[in-house]
Amino acid sequence: MKIKTPLFDAADYLEDEETIAEYLTAALEDPNPDLFLVAVKDVARARGMTQLAKDAGLGRESLYKALAPGAKPRYDTVLKVVRALGLRLHAQPVREP
């Protein structure tokens, strides 16, 4: 007998700013740079791609293309999306004094 389980979708759990910030921070810490775009796409889906595209000043199709697997979006595009999500990126030293 096979047990059917639903596929995990991170977007289902990204309900508040704190959770979203922690999720994106964890993605930034991963050595695979593509993981961050996957995480941003998960957040975008949780928030609604159409509204996010509008808030970022992008076309909906442009947003989908920018967050597609293997995409290499421009830095300014990533910043527009992050800001439209109500977040900001920051750097901190790896070694604390």
PDB file of N, CA and C in Angstrom:
ATOM      1  N   MET A   1       0.839  -1.166   0.000  1.00  0.00           N
ATOM      2  CA  MET A   1       0.000   0.000   0.000  1.00  0.00           C
ATOM      3  C   MET A   1       0.896   1.244   0.000  1.00  0.00           C
ATOM      4  N   LYS A   2       0.593   2.153  -0.903  1.00  0.00           N
ATOM      5  CA  LYS A   2       1.350   3.397  -0.985  1.00  0.00           C
ATOM      6  C   LYS A   2       0.623   4.494  -0.222  1.00  0.00           C
ATOM      7  N   ILE A   3       1.405   5.283   0.463  1.00  0.00           N
ATOM      8  CA  ILE A   3       0.855   6.417   1.185  1.00  0.00           C
ATOM      9  C   ILE A   3       1.139   7.664   0.357  1.00  0.00           C
ATOM     10  N   LYS A   4       0.109   8.409   0.072  1.00  0.00           N
ATOM     11  CA  LYS A   4       0.282   9.642  -0.687  1.00  0.00           C
ATOM     12  C   LYS A   4       0.470  10.791   0.283  1.00  0.00           C
ATOM     13  N   THR A   5       1.558  11.514   0.060  1.00  0.00           N
ATOM     14  CA  THR A   5       1.821  12.688   0.876  1.00  0.00           C
ATOM     15  C   THR A   5       1.953  13.893  -0.055  1.00  0.00           C
ATOM     16  N   PRO A   6       1.501  15.035   0.384  1.00  0.00           N
ATOM     17  CA  PRO A   6       1.628  16.217  -0.471  1.00  0.00           C
ATOM     18  C   PRO A   6       3.088  16.659  -0.552  1.00  0.00           C
ATOM     19  N   LEU A   7       3.458  17.256  -1.667  1.00  0.00           N
ATOM     20  CA  LEU A   7       4.797  17.781  -1.823  1.00  0.00           C
ATOM     21  C   LEU A   7       4.979  18.995  -0.919  1.00  0.00           C
ATOM     22  N   PHE A   8       6.170  19.140  -0.399  1.00  0.00           N
ATOM     23  CA  PHE A   8       6.476  20.285   0.454  1.00  0.00           C
ATOM     24  C   PHE A   8       6.594  21.531  -0.417  1.00  0.00           C
ATOM     25  N   ASP A   9       5.985  22.601   0.004  1.00  0.00           N
ATOM     26  CA  ASP A   9       6.079  23.887  -0.678  1.00  0.00           C
ATOM     27  C   ASP A   9       6.356  24.949   0.377  1.00  0.00           C
ATOM     28  N   ALA A  10       7.570  25.486   0.362  1.00  0.00           N
ATOM     29  CA  ALA A  10       7.962  26.480   1.364  1.00  0.00           C
ATOM     30  C   ALA A  10       7.026  27.678   1.372  1.00  0.00           C
ATOM     31  N   ALA A  11       6.467  28.029   0.215  1.00  0.00           N
ATOM     32  CA  ALA A  11       5.576  29.194   0.122  1.00  0.00           C
ATOM     33  C   ALA A  11       4.381  29.067   1.061  1.00  0.00           C
ATOM     34  N   ASP A  12       4.000  27.848   1.371  1.00  0.00           N
ATOM     35  CA  ASP A  12       2.861  27.630   2.269  1.00  0.00           C
ATOM     36  C   ASP A  12       3.155  28.064   3.706  1.00  0.00           C
ATOM     37  N   TYR A  13       4.425  28.224   4.037  1.00  0.00           N
ATOM     38  CA  TYR A  13       4.810  28.521   5.416  1.00  0.00           C
ATOM     39  C   TYR A  13       5.390  29.929   5.602  1.00  0.00           C
ATOM     40  N   LEU A  14       5.471  30.678   4.523  1.00  0.00           N
ATOM     41  CA  LEU A  14       6.067  32.016   4.576  1.00  0.00           C
ATOM     42  C   LEU A  14       4.967  33.044   4.802  1.00  0.00           C
ATOM     43  N   GLU A  15       4.508  33.129   6.032  1.00  0.00           N
ATOM     44  CA  GLU A  15       3.324  33.918   6.344  1.00  0.00           C
ATOM     45  C   GLU A  15       3.609  35.278   6.970  1.00  0.00           C
ATOM     46  N   ASP A  16       4.812  35.485   7.515  1.00  0.00           N
ATOM     47  CA  ASP A  16       5.104  36.768   8.154  1.00  0.00           C
ATOM     48  C   ASP A  16       6.520  37.205   7.815  1.00  0.00           C
ATOM     49  N   GLU A  17       6.803  38.486   8.050  1.00  0.00           N
ATOM     50  CA  GLU A  17       8.084  39.071   7.675  1.00  0.00           C
ATOM     51  C   GLU A  17       9.259  38.405   8.370  1.00  0.00           C
ATOM     52  N   GLU A  18       9.099  38.046   9.631  1.00  0.00           N
ATOM     53  CA  GLU A  18      10.196  37.423  10.367  1.00  0.00           C
ATOM     54  C   GLU A  18      10.566  36.071   9.763  1.00  0.00           C
ATOM     55  N   THR A  19       9.581  35.261   9.452  1.00  0.00           N
ATOM     56  CA  THR A  19       9.830  33.953   8.839  1.00  0.00           C
ATOM     57  C   THR A  19      10.477  34.120   7.472  1.00  0.00           C
ATOM     58  N   ILE A  20       9.972  35.073   6.701  1.00  0.00           N
ATOM     59  CA  ILE A  20      10.529  35.332   5.372  1.00  0.00           C
ATOM     60  C   ILE A  20      11.983  35.778   5.487  1.00  0.00           C
ATOM     61  N   ALA A  21      12.281  36.678   6.410  1.00  0.00           N
ATOM     62  CA  ALA A  21      13.647  37.158   6.589  1.00  0.00           C
ATOM     63  C   ALA A  21      14.584  36.020   6.988  1.00  0.00           C
ATOM     64  N   GLU A  22      14.146  35.166   7.885  1.00  0.00           N
ATOM     65  CA  GLU A  22      14.972  34.027   8.304  1.00  0.00           C
ATOM     66  C   GLU A  22      15.203  33.062   7.144  1.00  0.00           C
ATOM     67  N   TYR A  23      14.179  32.835   6.359  1.00  0.00           N
ATOM     68  CA  TYR A  23      14.273  31.928   5.206  1.00  0.00           C
ATOM     69  C   TYR A  23      15.280  32.464   4.188  1.00  0.00           C
ATOM     70  N   LEU A  24      15.185  33.748   3.865  1.00  0.00           N
ATOM     71  CA  LEU A  24      16.107  34.342   2.897  1.00  0.00           C
ATOM     72  C   LEU A  24      17.528  34.405   3.455  1.00  0.00           C
ATOM     73  N   THR A  25      17.677  34.667   4.737  1.00  0.00           N
ATOM     74  CA  THR A  25      19.001  34.693   5.353  1.00  0.00           C
ATOM     75  C   THR A  25      19.655  33.316   5.271  1.00  0.00           C
ATOM     76  N   ALA A  26      18.900  32.283   5.547  1.00  0.00           N
ATOM     77  CA  ALA A  26      19.435  30.916   5.441  1.00  0.00           C
ATOM     78  C   ALA A  26      19.851  30.621   3.997  1.00  0.00           C
ATOM     79  N   ALA A  27      19.066  31.076   3.029  1.00  0.00           N
ATOM     80  CA  ALA A  27      19.403  30.853   1.622  1.00  0.00           C
ATOM     81  C   ALA A  27      20.674  31.593   1.237  1.00  0.00           C
ATOM     82  N   LEU A  28      20.865  32.796   1.768  1.00  0.00           N
ATOM     83  CA  LEU A  28      22.084  33.562   1.486  1.00  0.00           C
ATOM     84  C   LEU A  28      23.324  32.886   2.062  1.00  0.00           C
ATOM     85  N   GLU A  29      23.172  32.148   3.133  1.00  0.00           N
ATOM     86  CA  GLU A  29      24.307  31.486   3.775  1.00  0.00           C
ATOM     87  C   GLU A  29      24.725  30.209   3.055  1.00  0.00           C
ATOM     88  N   ASP A  30      23.880  29.702   2.182  1.00  0.00           N
ATOM     89  CA  ASP A  30      24.217  28.486   1.433  1.00  0.00           C
ATOM     90  C   ASP A  30      25.239  28.819   0.343  1.00  0.00           C
ATOM     91  N   PRO A  31      26.214  27.938   0.111  1.00  0.00           N
ATOM     92  CA  PRO A  31      27.217  28.230  -0.914  1.00  0.00           C
ATOM     93  C   PRO A  31      26.675  28.219  -2.349  1.00  0.00           C
ATOM     94  N   ASN A  32      25.502  27.650  -2.567  1.00  0.00           N
ATOM     95  CA  ASN A  32      24.904  27.612  -3.905  1.00  0.00           C
ATOM     96  C   ASN A  32      24.142  28.918  -4.142  1.00  0.00           C
ATOM     97  N   PRO A  33      24.635  29.786  -5.041  1.00  0.00           N
ATOM     98  CA  PRO A  33      23.978  31.081  -5.251  1.00  0.00           C
ATOM     99  C   PRO A  33      22.573  30.970  -5.839  1.00  0.00           C
ATOM    100  N   ASP A  34      22.288  29.883  -6.525  1.00  0.00           N
ATOM    101  CA  ASP A  34      20.952  29.705  -7.106  1.00  0.00           C
ATOM    102  C   ASP A  34      19.889  29.510  -6.025  1.00  0.00           C
ATOM    103  N   LEU A  35      20.298  29.040  -4.866  1.00  0.00           N
ATOM    104  CA  LEU A  35      19.340  28.790  -3.793  1.00  0.00           C
ATOM    105  C   LEU A  35      18.651  30.075  -3.340  1.00  0.00           C
ATOM    106  N   PHE A  36      19.382  31.185  -3.363  1.00  0.00           N
ATOM    107  CA  PHE A  36      18.772  32.449  -2.967  1.00  0.00           C
ATOM    108  C   PHE A  36      17.636  32.826  -3.916  1.00  0.00           C
ATOM    109  N   LEU A  37      17.838  32.651  -5.220  1.00  0.00           N
ATOM    110  CA  LEU A  37      16.763  32.964  -6.180  1.00  0.00           C
ATOM    111  C   LEU A  37      15.567  32.047  -5.996  1.00  0.00           C
ATOM    112  N   VAL A  38      15.821  30.790  -5.678  1.00  0.00           N
ATOM    113  CA  VAL A  38      14.720  29.859  -5.398  1.00  0.00           C
ATOM    114  C   VAL A  38      13.938  30.355  -4.182  1.00  0.00           C
ATOM    115  N   ALA A  39      14.660  30.794  -3.169  1.00  0.00           N
ATOM    116  CA  ALA A  39      14.004  31.293  -1.951  1.00  0.00           C
ATOM    117  C   ALA A  39      13.205  32.559  -2.245  1.00  0.00           C
ATOM    118  N   VAL A  40      13.768  33.469  -3.037  1.00  0.00           N
ATOM    119  CA  VAL A  40      13.039  34.688  -3.401  1.00  0.00           C
ATOM    120  C   VAL A  40      11.783  34.330  -4.176  1.00  0.00           C
ATOM    121  N   LYS A  41      11.884  33.352  -5.058  1.00  0.00           N
ATOM    122  CA  LYS A  41      10.706  32.922  -5.825  1.00  0.00           C
ATOM    123  C   LYS A  41       9.645  32.328  -4.900  1.00  0.00           C
ATOM    124  N   ASP A  42      10.067  31.545  -3.903  1.00  0.00           N
ATOM    125  CA  ASP A  42       9.117  30.994  -2.927  1.00  0.00           C
ATOM    126  C   ASP A  42       8.386  32.123  -2.203  1.00  0.00           C
ATOM    127  N   VAL A  43       9.135  33.137  -1.796  1.00  0.00           N
ATOM    128  CA  VAL A  43       8.533  34.275  -1.104  1.00  0.00           C
ATOM    129  C   VAL A  43       7.591  35.022  -2.049  1.00  0.00           C
ATOM    130  N   ALA A  44       8.020  35.197  -3.279  1.00  0.00           N
ATOM    131  CA  ALA A  44       7.181  35.887  -4.272  1.00  0.00           C
ATOM    132  C   ALA A  44       5.865  35.149  -4.487  1.00  0.00           C
ATOM    133  N   ARG A  45       5.941  33.829  -4.554  1.00  0.00           N
ATOM    134  CA  ARG A  45       4.705  33.052  -4.716  1.00  0.00           C
ATOM    135  C   ARG A  45       3.815  33.157  -3.490  1.00  0.00           C
ATOM    136  N   ALA A  46       4.436  33.190  -2.312  1.00  0.00           N
ATOM    137  CA  ALA A  46       3.661  33.324  -1.074  1.00  0.00           C
ATOM    138  C   ALA A  46       2.952  34.670  -1.017  1.00  0.00           C
ATOM    139  N   ARG A  47       3.597  35.705  -1.531  1.00  0.00           N
ATOM    140  CA  ARG A  47       3.031  37.052  -1.498  1.00  0.00           C
ATOM    141  C   ARG A  47       2.124  37.353  -2.683  1.00  0.00           C
ATOM    142  N   GLY A  48       2.324  36.629  -3.777  1.00  0.00           N
ATOM    143  CA  GLY A  48       1.552  36.875  -4.990  1.00  0.00           C
ATOM    144  C   GLY A  48       2.434  37.513  -6.054  1.00  0.00           C
ATOM    145  N   MET A  49       2.718  36.768  -7.100  1.00  0.00           N
ATOM    146  CA  MET A  49       3.649  37.227  -8.138  1.00  0.00           C
ATOM    147  C   MET A  49       3.160  38.491  -8.836  1.00  0.00           C
ATOM    148  N   THR A  50       1.885  38.584  -9.126  1.00  0.00           N
ATOM    149  CA  THR A  50       1.366  39.731  -9.865  1.00  0.00           C
ATOM    150  C   THR A  50       1.537  41.011  -9.066  1.00  0.00           C
ATOM    151  N   GLN A  51       1.151  40.992  -7.811  1.00  0.00           N
ATOM    152  CA  GLN A  51       1.285  42.186  -6.974  1.00  0.00           C
ATOM    153  C   GLN A  51       2.746  42.529  -6.743  1.00  0.00           C
ATOM    154  N   LEU A  52       3.578  41.528  -6.542  1.00  0.00           N
ATOM    155  CA  LEU A  52       4.997  41.778  -6.320  1.00  0.00           C
ATOM    156  C   LEU A  52       5.631  42.415  -7.558  1.00  0.00           C
ATOM    157  N   ALA A  53       5.287  41.920  -8.724  1.00  0.00           N
ATOM    158  CA  ALA A  53       5.820  42.504  -9.962  1.00  0.00           C
ATOM    159  C   ALA A  53       5.439  43.978 -10.051  1.00  0.00           C
ATOM    160  N   LYS A  54       4.192  44.270  -9.732  1.00  0.00           N
ATOM    161  CA  LYS A  54       3.724  45.654  -9.769  1.00  0.00           C
ATOM    162  C   LYS A  54       4.480  46.509  -8.751  1.00  0.00           C
ATOM    163  N   ASP A  55       4.628  46.007  -7.523  1.00  0.00           N
ATOM    164  CA  ASP A  55       5.323  46.746  -6.469  1.00  0.00           C
ATOM    165  C   ASP A  55       6.803  46.972  -6.803  1.00  0.00           C
ATOM    166  N   ALA A  56       7.392  46.038  -7.553  1.00  0.00           N
ATOM    167  CA  ALA A  56       8.807  46.136  -7.914  1.00  0.00           C
ATOM    168  C   ALA A  56       9.020  46.951  -9.183  1.00  0.00           C
ATOM    169  N   GLY A  57       7.928  47.310  -9.844  1.00  0.00           N
ATOM    170  CA  GLY A  57       8.051  48.063 -11.090  1.00  0.00           C
ATOM    171  C   GLY A  57       8.501  47.201 -12.246  1.00  0.00           C
ATOM    172  N   LEU A  58       8.154  45.920 -12.190  1.00  0.00           N
ATOM    173  CA  LEU A  58       8.525  44.973 -13.241  1.00  0.00           C
ATOM    174  C   LEU A  58       7.265  44.403 -13.882  1.00  0.00           C
ATOM    175  N   GLY A  59       7.403  43.922 -15.085  1.00  0.00           N
ATOM    176  CA  GLY A  59       6.315  43.178 -15.695  1.00  0.00           C
ATOM    177  C   GLY A  59       6.248  41.798 -15.064  1.00  0.00           C
ATOM    178  N   ARG A  60       5.079  41.227 -15.025  1.00  0.00           N
ATOM    179  CA  ARG A  60       4.901  39.909 -14.424  1.00  0.00           C
ATOM    180  C   ARG A  60       5.799  38.870 -15.087  1.00  0.00           C
ATOM    181  N   GLU A  61       5.840  38.895 -16.420  1.00  0.00           N
ATOM    182  CA  GLU A  61       6.676  37.941 -17.155  1.00  0.00           C
ATOM    183  C   GLU A  61       8.154  38.164 -16.843  1.00  0.00           C
ATOM    184  N   SER A  62       8.554  39.419 -16.694  1.00  0.00           N
ATOM    185  CA  SER A  62       9.952  39.724 -16.368  1.00  0.00           C
ATOM    186  C   SER A  62      10.320  39.155 -14.996  1.00  0.00           C
ATOM    187  N   LEU A  63       9.384  39.241 -14.068  1.00  0.00           N
ATOM    188  CA  LEU A  63       9.635  38.689 -12.739  1.00  0.00           C
ATOM    189  C   LEU A  63       9.782  37.174 -12.811  1.00  0.00           C
ATOM    190  N   TYR A  64       8.893  36.516 -13.541  1.00  0.00           N
ATOM    191  CA  TYR A  64       9.000  35.063 -13.698  1.00  0.00           C
ATOM    192  C   TYR A  64      10.335  34.683 -14.328  1.00  0.00           C
ATOM    193  N   LYS A  65      10.758  35.412 -15.367  1.00  0.00           N
ATOM    194  CA  LYS A  65      12.032  35.118 -16.031  1.00  0.00           C
ATOM    195  C   LYS A  65      13.208  35.343 -15.096  1.00  0.00           C
ATOM    196  N   ALA A  66      13.162  36.419 -14.318  1.00  0.00           N
ATOM    197  CA  ALA A  66      14.260  36.734 -13.406  1.00  0.00           C
ATOM    198  C   ALA A  66      14.429  35.676 -12.323  1.00  0.00           C
ATOM    199  N   LEU A  67      13.334  35.023 -11.946  1.00  0.00           N
ATOM    200  CA  LEU A  67      13.379  34.029 -10.866  1.00  0.00           C
ATOM    201  C   LEU A  67      13.337  32.598 -11.366  1.00  0.00           C
ATOM    202  N   ALA A  68      13.462  32.406 -12.672  1.00  0.00           N
ATOM    203  CA  ALA A  68      13.438  31.063 -13.260  1.00  0.00           C
ATOM    204  C   ALA A  68      14.737  30.329 -12.930  1.00  0.00           C
ATOM    205  N   PRO A  69      14.686  28.994 -12.852  1.00  0.00           N
ATOM    206  CA  PRO A  69      15.911  28.222 -12.597  1.00  0.00           C
ATOM    207  C   PRO A  69      16.977  28.549 -13.647  1.00  0.00           C
ATOM    208  N   GLY A  70      18.182  28.794 -13.164  1.00  0.00           N
ATOM    209  CA  GLY A  70      19.286  29.099 -14.061  1.00  0.00           C
ATOM    210  C   GLY A  70      19.370  30.550 -14.500  1.00  0.00           C
ATOM    211  N   ALA A  71      18.410  31.365 -14.080  1.00  0.00           N
ATOM    212  CA  ALA A  71      18.416  32.782 -14.462  1.00  0.00           C
ATOM    213  C   ALA A  71      19.586  33.490 -13.785  1.00  0.00           C
ATOM    214  N   LYS A  72      20.045  34.510 -14.418  1.00  0.00           N
ATOM    215  CA  LYS A  72      21.107  35.348 -13.857  1.00  0.00           C
ATOM    216  C   LYS A  72      20.604  36.788 -13.858  1.00  0.00           C
ATOM    217  N   PRO A  73      19.666  37.099 -12.946  1.00  0.00           N
ATOM    218  CA  PRO A  73      19.087  38.449 -12.945  1.00  0.00           C
ATOM    219  C   PRO A  73      20.122  39.499 -12.567  1.00  0.00           C
ATOM    220  N   ARG A  74      19.884  40.690 -13.049  1.00  0.00           N
ATOM    221  CA  ARG A  74      20.749  41.808 -12.696  1.00  0.00           C
ATOM    222  C   ARG A  74      20.576  42.128 -11.212  1.00  0.00           C
ATOM    223  N   TYR A  75      21.625  42.691 -10.649  1.00  0.00           N
ATOM    224  CA  TYR A  75      21.594  43.057  -9.233  1.00  0.00           C
ATOM    225  C   TYR A  75      20.461  44.035  -8.945  1.00  0.00           C
ATOM    226  N   ASP A  76      20.252  45.007  -9.825  1.00  0.00           N
ATOM    227  CA  ASP A  76      19.195  45.988  -9.578  1.00  0.00           C
ATOM    228  C   ASP A  76      17.814  45.343  -9.600  1.00  0.00           C
ATOM    229  N   THR A  77      17.650  44.297 -10.384  1.00  0.00           N
ATOM    230  CA  THR A  77      16.367  43.577 -10.397  1.00  0.00           C
ATOM    231  C   THR A  77      16.142  42.876  -9.071  1.00  0.00           C
ATOM    232  N   VAL A  78      17.179  42.228  -8.573  1.00  0.00           N
ATOM    233  CA  VAL A  78      17.076  41.544  -7.275  1.00  0.00           C
ATOM    234  C   VAL A  78      16.757  42.564  -6.176  1.00  0.00           C
ATOM    235  N   LEU A  79      17.422  43.706  -6.200  1.00  0.00           N
ATOM    236  CA  LEU A  79      17.145  44.736  -5.195  1.00  0.00           C
ATOM    237  C   LEU A  79      15.711  45.246  -5.280  1.00  0.00           C
ATOM    238  N   LYS A  80      15.199  45.454  -6.474  1.00  0.00           N
ATOM    239  CA  LYS A  80      13.808  45.899  -6.639  1.00  0.00           C
ATOM    240  C   LYS A  80      12.853  44.900  -6.022  1.00  0.00           C
ATOM    241  N   VAL A  81      13.102  43.619  -6.271  1.00  0.00           N
ATOM    242  CA  VAL A  81      12.217  42.571  -5.749  1.00  0.00           C
ATOM    243  C   VAL A  81      12.309  42.513  -4.229  1.00  0.00           C
ATOM    244  N   VAL A  82      13.521  42.530  -3.701  1.00  0.00           N
ATOM    245  CA  VAL A  82      13.702  42.466  -2.241  1.00  0.00           C
ATOM    246  C   VAL A  82      13.045  43.667  -1.571  1.00  0.00           C
ATOM    247  N   ARG A  83      13.227  44.836  -2.142  1.00  0.00           N
ATOM    248  CA  ARG A  83      12.604  46.035  -1.562  1.00  0.00           C
ATOM    249  C   ARG A  83      11.085  45.981  -1.664  1.00  0.00           C
ATOM    250  N   ALA A  84      10.575  45.465  -2.770  1.00  0.00           N
ATOM    251  CA  ALA A  84       9.121  45.334  -2.929  1.00  0.00           C
ATOM    252  C   ALA A  84       8.544  44.352  -1.917  1.00  0.00           C
ATOM    253  N   LEU A  85       9.367  43.436  -1.458  1.00  0.00           N
ATOM    254  CA  LEU A  85       8.945  42.491  -0.419  1.00  0.00           C
ATOM    255  C   LEU A  85       8.987  43.130   0.966  1.00  0.00           C
ATOM    256  N   GLY A  86       9.497  44.369   1.032  1.00  0.00           N
ATOM    257  CA  GLY A  86       9.591  45.055   2.321  1.00  0.00           C
ATOM    258  C   GLY A  86      10.792  44.611   3.127  1.00  0.00           C
ATOM    259  N   LEU A  87      11.823  44.144   2.445  1.00  0.00           N
ATOM    260  CA  LEU A  87      13.025  43.654   3.115  1.00  0.00           C
ATOM    261  C   LEU A  87      14.244  44.420   2.632  1.00  0.00           C
ATOM    262  N   ARG A  88      15.341  44.261   3.334  1.00  0.00           N
ATOM    263  CA  ARG A  88      16.613  44.797   2.869  1.00  0.00           C
ATOM    264  C   ARG A  88      17.691  43.768   3.176  1.00  0.00           C
ATOM    265  N   LEU A  89      18.703  43.782   2.376  1.00  0.00           N
ATOM    266  CA  LEU A  89      19.855  42.889   2.573  1.00  0.00           C
ATOM    267  C   LEU A  89      20.913  43.668   3.318  1.00  0.00           C
ATOM    268  N   HIS A  90      21.677  42.974   4.140  1.00  0.00           N
ATOM    269  CA  HIS A  90      22.790  43.623   4.816  1.00  0.00           C
ATOM    270  C   HIS A  90      23.935  42.638   4.954  1.00  0.00           C
ATOM    271  N   ALA A  91      25.108  43.188   5.118  1.00  0.00           N
ATOM    272  CA  ALA A  91      26.319  42.365   5.270  1.00  0.00           C
ATOM    273  C   ALA A  91      26.785  42.451   6.714  1.00  0.00           C
ATOM    274  N   GLN A  92      27.418  41.386   7.147  1.00  0.00           N
ATOM    275  CA  GLN A  92      28.022  41.387   8.466  1.00  0.00           C
ATOM    276  C   GLN A  92      29.297  40.583   8.383  1.00  0.00           C
ATOM    277  N   PRO A  93      30.253  40.876   9.239  1.00  0.00           N
ATOM    278  CA  PRO A  93      31.525  40.170   9.169  1.00  0.00           C
ATOM    279  C   PRO A  93      31.360  38.686   9.517  1.00  0.00           C
ATOM    280  N   VAL A  94      32.152  37.871   8.868  1.00  0.00           N
ATOM    281  CA  VAL A  94      32.115  36.435   9.136  1.00  0.00           C
ATOM    282  C   VAL A  94      32.668  36.158  10.531  1.00  0.00           C
ATOM    283  N   ARG A  95      33.750  36.845  10.848  1.00  0.00           N
ATOM    284  CA  ARG A  95      34.347  36.693  12.177  1.00  0.00           C
ATOM    285  C   ARG A  95      34.029  37.925  13.001  1.00  0.00           C
ATOM    286  N   GLU A  96      33.440  37.702  14.117  1.00  0.00           N
ATOM    287  CA  GLU A  96      33.120  38.836  14.985  1.00  0.00           C
ATOM    288  C   GLU A  96      34.332  39.108  15.883  1.00  0.00           C
ATOM    289  N   PRO A  97      34.653  40.405  16.089  1.00  0.00           N
ATOM    290  CA  PRO A  97      35.834  40.751  16.902  1.00  0.00           C
ATOM    291  C   PRO A  97      35.698  40.338  18.346  1.00  0.00           C
TER     292      PRO A  97
END
